[in-house]
Amino acid sequence: KEMADRLVEDGYLDAGYEYVNIDDCWSAKQRDSQGRLQADPDRFP
């Protein structure tokens, strides 16, 4: 969220930088009961 704010407020979006991308280590260690990925509940509540 903070990087998204900076992209907009500091002129990056206007210049063409439009993606804010999560990389590894965002998910929980297990899939949910339906076999879907889920975000880590503490870091992405």
ModelCIF file with pLDDT and N, C-alpha, C, O atoms, coordinates in Angstrom:
data_MODEL
#
_entry.id   MODEL 
#
_entity.id                         1 
_entity.type                       polymer 
_entity.pdbx_number_of_molecules   1 
#
_entity_poly.entity_id                      1 
_entity_poly.type                           'polypeptide(L)' 
_entity_poly.nstd_linkage                   no 
_entity_poly.nstd_monomer                   no 
_entity_poly.pdbx_seq_one_letter_code       KEMADRLVEDGYLDAGYEYVNIDDCWSAKQRDSQGRLQADPDRFP 
_entity_poly.pdbx_seq_one_letter_code_can   KEMADRLVEDGYLDAGYEYVNIDDCWSAKQRDSQGRLQADPDRFP 
_entity_poly.pdbx_strand_id                 A 
#
loop_
_entity_poly_seq.entity_id 
_entity_poly_seq.num 
_entity_poly_seq.mon_id 
_entity_poly_seq.hetero 
1 1  LYS n 
1 2  GLU n 
1 3  MET n 
1 4  ALA n 
1 5  ASP n 
1 6  ARG n 
1 7  LEU n 
1 8  VAL n 
1 9  GLU n 
1 10 ASP n 
1 11 GLY n 
1 12 TYR n 
1 13 LEU n 
1 14 ASP n 
1 15 ALA n 
1 16 GLY n 
1 17 TYR n 
1 18 GLU n 
1 19 TYR n 
1 20 VAL n 
1 21 ASN n 
1 22 ILE n 
1 23 ASP n 
1 24 ASP n 
1 25 CYS n 
1 26 TRP n 
1 27 SER n 
1 28 ALA n 
1 29 LYS n 
1 30 GLN n 
1 31 ARG n 
1 32 ASP n 
1 33 SER n 
1 34 GLN n 
1 35 GLY n 
1 36 ARG n 
1 37 LEU n 
1 38 GLN n 
1 39 ALA n 
1 40 ASP n 
1 41 PRO n 
1 42 ASP n 
1 43 ARG n 
1 44 PHE n 
1 45 PRO n 
#
_struct_asym.id          A 
_struct_asym.entity_id   1 
#
loop_
_ma_qa_metric.id 
_ma_qa_metric.mode 
_ma_qa_metric.name 
_ma_qa_metric.software_group_id 
_ma_qa_metric.type 
1 global pLDDT . pLDDT 
2 local  pLDDT . pLDDT 
#
_ma_qa_metric_global.metric_id      1 
_ma_qa_metric_global.metric_value   98.04 
_ma_qa_metric_global.model_id       1 
_ma_qa_metric_global.ordinal_id     1 
#
loop_
_ma_qa_metric_local.label_asym_id 
_ma_qa_metric_local.label_comp_id 
_ma_qa_metric_local.label_seq_id 
_ma_qa_metric_local.metric_id 
_ma_qa_metric_local.metric_value 
_ma_qa_metric_local.model_id 
_ma_qa_metric_local.ordinal_id 
A LYS 1  2 98.00 1 1  
A GLU 2  2 98.00 1 2  
A MET 3  2 98.00 1 3  
A ALA 4  2 99.00 1 4  
A ASP 5  2 99.00 1 5  
A ARG 6  2 98.00 1 6  
A LEU 7  2 99.00 1 7  
A VAL 8  2 98.00 1 8  
A GLU 9  2 98.00 1 9  
A ASP 10 2 98.00 1 10 
A GLY 11 2 98.00 1 11 
A TYR 12 2 98.00 1 12 
A LEU 13 2 98.00 1 13 
A ASP 14 2 98.00 1 14 
A ALA 15 2 98.00 1 15 
A GLY 16 2 98.00 1 16 
A TYR 17 2 99.00 1 17 
A GLU 18 2 98.00 1 18 
A TYR 19 2 99.00 1 19 
A VAL 20 2 98.00 1 20 
A ASN 21 2 98.00 1 21 
A ILE 22 2 98.00 1 22 
A ASP 23 2 98.00 1 23 
A ASP 24 2 98.00 1 24 
A CYS 25 2 98.00 1 25 
A TRP 26 2 98.00 1 26 
A SER 27 2 98.00 1 27 
A ALA 28 2 98.00 1 28 
A LYS 29 2 98.00 1 29 
A GLN 30 2 98.00 1 30 
A ARG 31 2 98.00 1 31 
A ASP 32 2 98.00 1 32 
A SER 33 2 97.00 1 33 
A GLN 34 2 97.00 1 34 
A GLY 35 2 97.00 1 35 
A ARG 36 2 98.00 1 36 
A LEU 37 2 98.00 1 37 
A GLN 38 2 98.00 1 38 
A ALA 39 2 98.00 1 39 
A ASP 40 2 98.00 1 40 
A PRO 41 2 98.00 1 41 
A ASP 42 2 98.00 1 42 
A ARG 43 2 98.00 1 43 
A PHE 44 2 98.00 1 44 
A PRO 45 2 98.00 1 45 
#
loop_
_atom_site.group_PDB 
_atom_site.id 
_atom_site.type_symbol 
_atom_site.label_atom_id 
_atom_site.label_alt_id 
_atom_site.label_comp_id 
_atom_site.label_asym_id 
_atom_site.label_entity_id 
_atom_site.label_seq_id 
_atom_site.pdbx_PDB_ins_code 
_atom_site.Cartn_x 
_atom_site.Cartn_y 
_atom_site.Cartn_z 
_atom_site.occupancy 
_atom_site.B_iso_or_equiv 
_atom_site.pdbx_formal_charge 
_atom_site.auth_seq_id 
_atom_site.auth_comp_id 
_atom_site.auth_asym_id 
_atom_site.auth_atom_id 
_atom_site.pdbx_PDB_model_num 
ATOM 1   N N  . LYS A 1 1  ? 0.832   -1.204  0.000   1.00 98.00 ? 1  LYS A N  1 
ATOM 2   C CA . LYS A 1 1  ? 0.000   0.000   0.000   1.00 98.00 ? 1  LYS A CA 1 
ATOM 3   C C  . LYS A 1 1  ? 0.867   1.255   0.000   1.00 98.00 ? 1  LYS A C  1 
ATOM 4   O O  . LYS A 1 1  ? 0.577   2.217   -0.711  1.00 98.00 ? 1  LYS A O  1 
ATOM 5   N N  . GLU A 1 2  ? 1.933   1.242   0.799   1.00 98.00 ? 2  GLU A N  1 
ATOM 6   C CA . GLU A 1 2  ? 2.799   2.410   0.845   1.00 98.00 ? 2  GLU A CA 1 
ATOM 7   C C  . GLU A 1 2  ? 3.508   2.628   -0.489  1.00 98.00 ? 2  GLU A C  1 
ATOM 8   O O  . GLU A 1 2  ? 3.675   3.769   -0.920  1.00 98.00 ? 2  GLU A O  1 
ATOM 9   N N  . MET A 1 3  ? 3.927   1.551   -1.144  1.00 98.00 ? 3  MET A N  1 
ATOM 10  C CA . MET A 1 3  ? 4.565   1.702   -2.453  1.00 98.00 ? 3  MET A CA 1 
ATOM 11  C C  . MET A 1 3  ? 3.555   2.174   -3.493  1.00 98.00 ? 3  MET A C  1 
ATOM 12  O O  . MET A 1 3  ? 3.892   2.976   -4.365  1.00 98.00 ? 3  MET A O  1 
ATOM 13  N N  . ALA A 1 4  ? 2.338   1.690   -3.408  1.00 99.00 ? 4  ALA A N  1 
ATOM 14  C CA . ALA A 1 4  ? 1.291   2.174   -4.311  1.00 99.00 ? 4  ALA A CA 1 
ATOM 15  C C  . ALA A 1 4  ? 1.065   3.673   -4.111  1.00 99.00 ? 4  ALA A C  1 
ATOM 16  O O  . ALA A 1 4  ? 0.923   4.422   -5.077  1.00 99.00 ? 4  ALA A O  1 
ATOM 17  N N  . ASP A 1 5  ? 1.034   4.095   -2.864  1.00 99.00 ? 5  ASP A N  1 
ATOM 18  C CA . ASP A 1 5  ? 0.867   5.524   -2.579  1.00 99.00 ? 5  ASP A CA 1 
ATOM 19  C C  . ASP A 1 5  ? 1.992   6.343   -3.208  1.00 99.00 ? 5  ASP A C  1 
ATOM 20  O O  . ASP A 1 5  ? 1.750   7.396   -3.799  1.00 99.00 ? 5  ASP A O  1 
ATOM 21  N N  . ARG A 1 6  ? 3.209   5.856   -3.079  1.00 98.00 ? 6  ARG A N  1 
ATOM 22  C CA . ARG A 1 6  ? 4.356   6.595   -3.604  1.00 98.00 ? 6  ARG A CA 1 
ATOM 23  C C  . ARG A 1 6  ? 4.340   6.619   -5.146  1.00 98.00 ? 6  ARG A C  1 
ATOM 24  O O  . ARG A 1 6  ? 4.676   7.633   -5.757  1.00 98.00 ? 6  ARG A O  1 
ATOM 25  N N  . LEU A 1 7  ? 3.953   5.513   -5.755  1.00 99.00 ? 7  LEU A N  1 
ATOM 26  C CA . LEU A 1 7  ? 3.884   5.491   -7.214  1.00 99.00 ? 7  LEU A CA 1 
ATOM 27  C C  . LEU A 1 7  ? 2.957   6.584   -7.736  1.00 99.00 ? 7  LEU A C  1 
ATOM 28  O O  . LEU A 1 7  ? 3.239   7.227   -8.747  1.00 99.00 ? 7  LEU A O  1 
ATOM 29  N N  . VAL A 1 8  ? 1.864   6.780   -7.040  1.00 98.00 ? 8  VAL A N  1 
ATOM 30  C CA . VAL A 1 8  ? 0.889   7.782   -7.475  1.00 98.00 ? 8  VAL A CA 1 
ATOM 31  C C  . VAL A 1 8  ? 1.339   9.189   -7.094  1.00 98.00 ? 8  VAL A C  1 
ATOM 32  O O  . VAL A 1 8  ? 1.384   10.084  -7.937  1.00 98.00 ? 8  VAL A O  1 
ATOM 33  N N  . GLU A 1 9  ? 1.667   9.375   -5.831  1.00 98.00 ? 9  GLU A N  1 
ATOM 34  C CA . GLU A 1 9  ? 1.905   10.728  -5.321  1.00 98.00 ? 9  GLU A CA 1 
ATOM 35  C C  . GLU A 1 9  ? 3.224   11.333  -5.783  1.00 98.00 ? 9  GLU A C  1 
ATOM 36  O O  . GLU A 1 9  ? 3.365   12.555  -5.823  1.00 98.00 ? 9  GLU A O  1 
ATOM 37  N N  . ASP A 1 10 ? 4.198   10.482  -6.134  1.00 98.00 ? 10 ASP A N  1 
ATOM 38  C CA . ASP A 1 10 ? 5.512   11.002  -6.519  1.00 98.00 ? 10 ASP A CA 1 
ATOM 39  C C  . ASP A 1 10 ? 5.722   11.023  -8.035  1.00 98.00 ? 10 ASP A C  1 
ATOM 40  O O  . ASP A 1 10 ? 6.835   11.267  -8.500  1.00 98.00 ? 10 ASP A O  1 
ATOM 41  N N  . GLY A 1 11 ? 4.676   10.773  -8.796  1.00 98.00 ? 11 GLY A N  1 
ATOM 42  C CA . GLY A 1 11 ? 4.749   10.958  -10.233 1.00 98.00 ? 11 GLY A CA 1 
ATOM 43  C C  . GLY A 1 11 ? 5.107   9.739   -11.063 1.00 98.00 ? 11 GLY A C  1 
ATOM 44  O O  . GLY A 1 11 ? 5.177   9.827   -12.289 1.00 98.00 ? 11 GLY A O  1 
ATOM 45  N N  . TYR A 1 12 ? 5.334   8.605   -10.418 1.00 98.00 ? 12 TYR A N  1 
ATOM 46  C CA . TYR A 1 12 ? 5.726   7.418   -11.178 1.00 98.00 ? 12 TYR A CA 1 
ATOM 47  C C  . TYR A 1 12 ? 4.594   6.915   -12.078 1.00 98.00 ? 12 TYR A C  1 
ATOM 48  O O  . TYR A 1 12 ? 4.829   6.548   -13.229 1.00 98.00 ? 12 TYR A O  1 
ATOM 49  N N  . LEU A 1 13 ? 3.382   6.899   -11.558 1.00 98.00 ? 13 LEU A N  1 
ATOM 50  C CA . LEU A 1 13 ? 2.259   6.434   -12.377 1.00 98.00 ? 13 LEU A CA 1 
ATOM 51  C C  . LEU A 1 13 ? 2.090   7.317   -13.603 1.00 98.00 ? 13 LEU A C  1 
ATOM 52  O O  . LEU A 1 13 ? 1.901   6.811   -14.709 1.00 98.00 ? 13 LEU A O  1 
ATOM 53  N N  . ASP A 1 14 ? 2.154   8.612   -13.422 1.00 98.00 ? 14 ASP A N  1 
ATOM 54  C CA . ASP A 1 14 ? 2.030   9.525   -14.560 1.00 98.00 ? 14 ASP A CA 1 
ATOM 55  C C  . ASP A 1 14 ? 3.125   9.279   -15.597 1.00 98.00 ? 14 ASP A C  1 
ATOM 56  O O  . ASP A 1 14 ? 2.914   9.492   -16.791 1.00 98.00 ? 14 ASP A O  1 
ATOM 57  N N  . ALA A 1 15 ? 4.293   8.832   -15.140 1.00 98.00 ? 15 ALA A N  1 
ATOM 58  C CA . ALA A 1 15 ? 5.405   8.573   -16.058 1.00 98.00 ? 15 ALA A CA 1 
ATOM 59  C C  . ALA A 1 15 ? 5.295   7.217   -16.750 1.00 98.00 ? 15 ALA A C  1 
ATOM 60  O O  . ALA A 1 15 ? 6.018   6.955   -17.711 1.00 98.00 ? 15 ALA A O  1 
ATOM 61  N N  . GLY A 1 16 ? 4.390   6.343   -16.268 1.00 98.00 ? 16 GLY A N  1 
ATOM 62  C CA . GLY A 1 16 ? 4.199   5.046   -16.914 1.00 98.00 ? 16 GLY A CA 1 
ATOM 63  C C  . GLY A 1 16 ? 4.363   3.831   -16.029 1.00 98.00 ? 16 GLY A C  1 
ATOM 64  O O  . GLY A 1 16 ? 4.073   2.715   -16.458 1.00 98.00 ? 16 GLY A O  1 
ATOM 65  N N  . TYR A 1 17 ? 4.831   4.024   -14.783 1.00 99.00 ? 17 TYR A N  1 
ATOM 66  C CA . TYR A 1 17 ? 5.017   2.894   -13.857 1.00 99.00 ? 17 TYR A CA 1 
ATOM 67  C C  . TYR A 1 17 ? 3.663   2.547   -13.239 1.00 99.00 ? 17 TYR A C  1 
ATOM 68  O O  . TYR A 1 17 ? 3.219   3.219   -12.308 1.00 99.00 ? 17 TYR A O  1 
ATOM 69  N N  . GLU A 1 18 ? 3.006   1.510   -13.745 1.00 98.00 ? 18 GLU A N  1 
ATOM 70  C CA . GLU A 1 18 ? 1.623   1.259   -13.349 1.00 98.00 ? 18 GLU A CA 1 
ATOM 71  C C  . GLU A 1 18 ? 1.417   -0.011  -12.532 1.00 98.00 ? 18 GLU A C  1 
ATOM 72  O O  . GLU A 1 18 ? 0.351   -0.178  -11.941 1.00 98.00 ? 18 GLU A O  1 
ATOM 73  N N  . TYR A 1 19 ? 2.389   -0.905  -12.476 1.00 99.00 ? 19 TYR A N  1 
ATOM 74  C CA . TYR A 1 19 ? 2.230   -2.151  -11.721 1.00 99.00 ? 19 TYR A CA 1 
ATOM 75  C C  . TYR A 1 19 ? 2.907   -2.042  -10.360 1.00 99.00 ? 19 TYR A C  1 
ATOM 76  O O  . TYR A 1 19 ? 4.011   -1.509  -10.250 1.00 99.00 ? 19 TYR A O  1 
ATOM 77  N N  . VAL A 1 20 ? 2.244   -2.548  -9.328  1.00 98.00 ? 20 VAL A N  1 
ATOM 78  C CA . VAL A 1 20 ? 2.886   -2.744  -8.032  1.00 98.00 ? 20 VAL A CA 1 
ATOM 79  C C  . VAL A 1 20 ? 2.816   -4.248  -7.756  1.00 98.00 ? 20 VAL A C  1 
ATOM 80  O O  . VAL A 1 20 ? 1.732   -4.815  -7.625  1.00 98.00 ? 20 VAL A O  1 
ATOM 81  N N  . ASN A 1 21 ? 3.983   -4.882  -7.672  1.00 98.00 ? 21 ASN A N  1 
ATOM 82  C CA . ASN A 1 21 ? 4.055   -6.331  -7.753  1.00 98.00 ? 21 ASN A CA 1 
ATOM 83  C C  . ASN A 1 21 ? 4.567   -6.986  -6.482  1.00 98.00 ? 21 ASN A C  1 
ATOM 84  O O  . ASN A 1 21 ? 5.645   -6.666  -5.980  1.00 98.00 ? 21 ASN A O  1 
ATOM 85  N N  . ILE A 1 22 ? 3.766   -7.911  -5.979  1.00 98.00 ? 22 ILE A N  1 
ATOM 86  C CA . ILE A 1 22 ? 4.162   -8.790  -4.882  1.00 98.00 ? 22 ILE A CA 1 
ATOM 87  C C  . ILE A 1 22 ? 5.084   -9.863  -5.444  1.00 98.00 ? 22 ILE A C  1 
ATOM 88  O O  . ILE A 1 22 ? 4.854   -10.354 -6.549  1.00 98.00 ? 22 ILE A O  1 
ATOM 89  N N  . ASP A 1 23 ? 6.114   -10.230 -4.708  1.00 98.00 ? 23 ASP A N  1 
ATOM 90  C CA . ASP A 1 23 ? 6.962   -11.348 -5.115  1.00 98.00 ? 23 ASP A CA 1 
ATOM 91  C C  . ASP A 1 23 ? 6.775   -12.497 -4.112  1.00 98.00 ? 23 ASP A C  1 
ATOM 92  O O  . ASP A 1 23 ? 5.700   -12.632 -3.528  1.00 98.00 ? 23 ASP A O  1 
ATOM 93  N N  . ASP A 1 24 ? 7.781   -13.302 -3.912  1.00 98.00 ? 24 ASP A N  1 
ATOM 94  C CA . ASP A 1 24 ? 7.674   -14.517 -3.095  1.00 98.00 ? 24 ASP A CA 1 
ATOM 95  C C  . ASP A 1 24 ? 7.361   -14.172 -1.631  1.00 98.00 ? 24 ASP A C  1 
ATOM 96  O O  . ASP A 1 24 ? 7.520   -13.033 -1.191  1.00 98.00 ? 24 ASP A O  1 
ATOM 97  N N  . CYS A 1 25 ? 6.912   -15.197 -0.898  1.00 98.00 ? 25 CYS A N  1 
ATOM 98  C CA . CYS A 1 25 ? 6.734   -15.156 0.554   1.00 98.00 ? 25 CYS A CA 1 
ATOM 99  C C  . CYS A 1 25 ? 5.492   -14.390 1.003   1.00 98.00 ? 25 CYS A C  1 
ATOM 100 O O  . CYS A 1 25 ? 5.421   -13.943 2.148   1.00 98.00 ? 25 CYS A O  1 
ATOM 101 N N  . TRP A 1 26 ? 4.519   -14.236 0.118   1.00 98.00 ? 26 TRP A N  1 
ATOM 102 C CA . TRP A 1 26 ? 3.284   -13.545 0.487   1.00 98.00 ? 26 TRP A CA 1 
ATOM 103 C C  . TRP A 1 26 ? 2.225   -14.490 1.047   1.00 98.00 ? 26 TRP A C  1 
ATOM 104 O O  . TRP A 1 26 ? 1.316   -14.051 1.751   1.00 98.00 ? 26 TRP A O  1 
ATOM 105 N N  . SER A 1 27 ? 2.331   -15.767 0.746   1.00 98.00 ? 27 SER A N  1 
ATOM 106 C CA . SER A 1 27 ? 1.213   -16.677 1.039   1.00 98.00 ? 27 SER A CA 1 
ATOM 107 C C  . SER A 1 27 ? 1.373   -17.362 2.387   1.00 98.00 ? 27 SER A C  1 
ATOM 108 O O  . SER A 1 27 ? 2.434   -17.322 3.010   1.00 98.00 ? 27 SER A O  1 
ATOM 109 N N  . ALA A 1 28 ? 0.297   -17.984 2.812   1.00 98.00 ? 28 ALA A N  1 
ATOM 110 C CA . ALA A 1 28 ? 0.363   -18.886 3.965   1.00 98.00 ? 28 ALA A CA 1 
ATOM 111 C C  . ALA A 1 28 ? 1.127   -20.143 3.557   1.00 98.00 ? 28 ALA A C  1 
ATOM 112 O O  . ALA A 1 28 ? 1.339   -20.398 2.371   1.00 98.00 ? 28 ALA A O  1 
ATOM 113 N N  . LYS A 1 29 ? 1.527   -20.907 4.534   1.00 98.00 ? 29 LYS A N  1 
ATOM 114 C CA . LYS A 1 29 ? 2.293   -22.124 4.256   1.00 98.00 ? 29 LYS A CA 1 
ATOM 115 C C  . LYS A 1 29 ? 1.414   -23.280 3.768   1.00 98.00 ? 29 LYS A C  1 
ATOM 116 O O  . LYS A 1 29 ? 1.916   -24.283 3.261   1.00 98.00 ? 29 LYS A O  1 
ATOM 117 N N  . GLN A 1 30 ? 0.113   -23.126 3.925   1.00 98.00 ? 30 GLN A N  1 
ATOM 118 C CA . GLN A 1 30 ? -0.798  -24.169 3.452   1.00 98.00 ? 30 GLN A CA 1 
ATOM 119 C C  . GLN A 1 30 ? -1.905  -23.547 2.608   1.00 98.00 ? 30 GLN A C  1 
ATOM 120 O O  . GLN A 1 30 ? -2.273  -22.388 2.798   1.00 98.00 ? 30 GLN A O  1 
ATOM 121 N N  . ARG A 1 31 ? -2.421  -24.329 1.686   1.00 98.00 ? 31 ARG A N  1 
ATOM 122 C CA . ARG A 1 31 ? -3.604  -23.925 0.941   1.00 98.00 ? 31 ARG A CA 1 
ATOM 123 C C  . ARG A 1 31 ? -4.837  -24.044 1.828   1.00 98.00 ? 31 ARG A C  1 
ATOM 124 O O  . ARG A 1 31 ? -4.794  -24.681 2.881   1.00 98.00 ? 31 ARG A O  1 
ATOM 125 N N  . ASP A 1 32 ? -5.940  -23.426 1.396   1.00 98.00 ? 32 ASP A N  1 
ATOM 126 C CA . ASP A 1 32 ? -7.150  -23.503 2.203   1.00 98.00 ? 32 ASP A CA 1 
ATOM 127 C C  . ASP A 1 32 ? -7.854  -24.843 1.991   1.00 98.00 ? 32 ASP A C  1 
ATOM 128 O O  . ASP A 1 32 ? -7.344  -25.695 1.264   1.00 98.00 ? 32 ASP A O  1 
ATOM 129 N N  . SER A 1 33 ? -8.993  -25.039 2.600   1.00 97.00 ? 33 SER A N  1 
ATOM 130 C CA . SER A 1 33 ? -9.691  -26.325 2.569   1.00 97.00 ? 33 SER A CA 1 
ATOM 131 C C  . SER A 1 33 ? -10.163 -26.701 1.167   1.00 97.00 ? 33 SER A C  1 
ATOM 132 O O  . SER A 1 33 ? -10.450 -27.868 0.903   1.00 97.00 ? 33 SER A O  1 
ATOM 133 N N  . GLN A 1 34 ? -10.246 -25.710 0.259   1.00 97.00 ? 34 GLN A N  1 
ATOM 134 C CA . GLN A 1 34 ? -10.650 -25.977 -1.122  1.00 97.00 ? 34 GLN A CA 1 
ATOM 135 C C  . GLN A 1 34 ? -9.454  -26.044 -2.068  1.00 97.00 ? 34 GLN A C  1 
ATOM 136 O O  . GLN A 1 34 ? -9.613  -26.062 -3.289  1.00 97.00 ? 34 GLN A O  1 
ATOM 137 N N  . GLY A 1 35 ? -8.267  -26.082 -1.493  1.00 97.00 ? 35 GLY A N  1 
ATOM 138 C CA . GLY A 1 35 ? -7.062  -26.230 -2.298  1.00 97.00 ? 35 GLY A CA 1 
ATOM 139 C C  . GLY A 1 35 ? -6.563  -24.948 -2.932  1.00 97.00 ? 35 GLY A C  1 
ATOM 140 O O  . GLY A 1 35 ? -5.740  -24.987 -3.847  1.00 97.00 ? 35 GLY A O  1 
ATOM 141 N N  . ARG A 1 36 ? -7.050  -23.810 -2.457  1.00 98.00 ? 36 ARG A N  1 
ATOM 142 C CA . ARG A 1 36 ? -6.638  -22.534 -3.042  1.00 98.00 ? 36 ARG A CA 1 
ATOM 143 C C  . ARG A 1 36 ? -5.509  -21.896 -2.231  1.00 98.00 ? 36 ARG A C  1 
ATOM 144 O O  . ARG A 1 36 ? -5.421  -22.075 -1.016  1.00 98.00 ? 36 ARG A O  1 
ATOM 145 N N  . LEU A 1 37 ? -4.659  -21.158 -2.915  1.00 98.00 ? 37 LEU A N  1 
ATOM 146 C CA . LEU A 1 37 ? -3.665  -20.361 -2.210  1.00 98.00 ? 37 LEU A CA 1 
ATOM 147 C C  . LEU A 1 37 ? -4.369  -19.327 -1.345  1.00 98.00 ? 37 LEU A C  1 
ATOM 148 O O  . LEU A 1 37 ? -5.461  -18.864 -1.672  1.00 98.00 ? 37 LEU A O  1 
ATOM 149 N N  . GLN A 1 38 ? -3.734  -18.975 -0.248  1.00 98.00 ? 38 GLN A N  1 
ATOM 150 C CA . GLN A 1 38 ? -4.283  -17.937 0.618   1.00 98.00 ? 38 GLN A CA 1 
ATOM 151 C C  . GLN A 1 38 ? -3.136  -17.091 1.163   1.00 98.00 ? 38 GLN A C  1 
ATOM 152 O O  . GLN A 1 38 ? -2.033  -17.584 1.397   1.00 98.00 ? 38 GLN A O  1 
ATOM 153 N N  . ALA A 1 39 ? -3.420  -15.820 1.357   1.00 98.00 ? 39 ALA A N  1 
ATOM 154 C CA . ALA A 1 39 ? -2.389  -14.920 1.867   1.00 98.00 ? 39 ALA A CA 1 
ATOM 155 C C  . ALA A 1 39 ? -2.097  -15.218 3.325   1.00 98.00 ? 39 ALA A C  1 
ATOM 156 O O  . ALA A 1 39 ? -2.963  -15.696 4.059   1.00 98.00 ? 39 ALA A O  1 
ATOM 157 N N  . ASP A 1 40 ? -0.867  -14.932 3.740   1.00 98.00 ? 40 ASP A N  1 
ATOM 158 C CA . ASP A 1 40 ? -0.524  -15.061 5.155   1.00 98.00 ? 40 ASP A CA 1 
ATOM 159 C C  . ASP A 1 40 ? -1.475  -14.175 5.970   1.00 98.00 ? 40 ASP A C  1 
ATOM 160 O O  . ASP A 1 40 ? -1.549  -12.972 5.721   1.00 98.00 ? 40 ASP A O  1 
ATOM 161 N N  . PRO A 1 41 ? -2.199  -14.743 6.932   1.00 98.00 ? 41 PRO A N  1 
ATOM 162 C CA . PRO A 1 41 ? -3.241  -13.980 7.614   1.00 98.00 ? 41 PRO A CA 1 
ATOM 163 C C  . PRO A 1 41 ? -2.713  -12.880 8.525   1.00 98.00 ? 41 PRO A C  1 
ATOM 164 O O  . PRO A 1 41 ? -3.434  -11.925 8.816   1.00 98.00 ? 41 PRO A O  1 
ATOM 165 N N  . ASP A 1 42 ? -1.482  -12.997 8.977   1.00 98.00 ? 42 ASP A N  1 
ATOM 166 C CA . ASP A 1 42 ? -0.924  -11.969 9.854   1.00 98.00 ? 42 ASP A CA 1 
ATOM 167 C C  . ASP A 1 42 ? -0.367  -10.788 9.060   1.00 98.00 ? 42 ASP A C  1 
ATOM 168 O O  . ASP A 1 42 ? -0.505  -9.636  9.470   1.00 98.00 ? 42 ASP A O  1 
ATOM 169 N N  . ARG A 1 43 ? 0.259   -11.081 7.929   1.00 98.00 ? 43 ARG A N  1 
ATOM 170 C CA . ARG A 1 43 ? 0.908   -10.020 7.160   1.00 98.00 ? 43 ARG A CA 1 
ATOM 171 C C  . ARG A 1 43 ? -0.020  -9.412  6.098   1.00 98.00 ? 43 ARG A C  1 
ATOM 172 O O  . ARG A 1 43 ? 0.186   -8.279  5.662   1.00 98.00 ? 43 ARG A O  1 
ATOM 173 N N  . PHE A 1 44 ? -1.032  -10.170 5.693   1.00 98.00 ? 44 PHE A N  1 
ATOM 174 C CA . PHE A 1 44 ? -2.026  -9.680  4.731   1.00 98.00 ? 44 PHE A CA 1 
ATOM 175 C C  . PHE A 1 44 ? -3.428  -9.940  5.295   1.00 98.00 ? 44 PHE A C  1 
ATOM 176 O O  . PHE A 1 44 ? -4.197  -10.698 4.705   1.00 98.00 ? 44 PHE A O  1 
ATOM 177 N N  . PRO A 1 45 ? -3.762  -9.323  6.422   1.00 98.00 ? 45 PRO A N  1 
ATOM 178 C CA . PRO A 1 45 ? -5.034  -9.644  7.084   1.00 98.00 ? 45 PRO A CA 1 
ATOM 179 C C  . PRO A 1 45 ? -6.262  -9.300  6.251   1.00 98.00 ? 45 PRO A C  1 
ATOM 180 O O  . PRO A 1 45 ? -7.389  -9.519  6.693   1.00 98.00 ? 45 PRO A O  1 
#
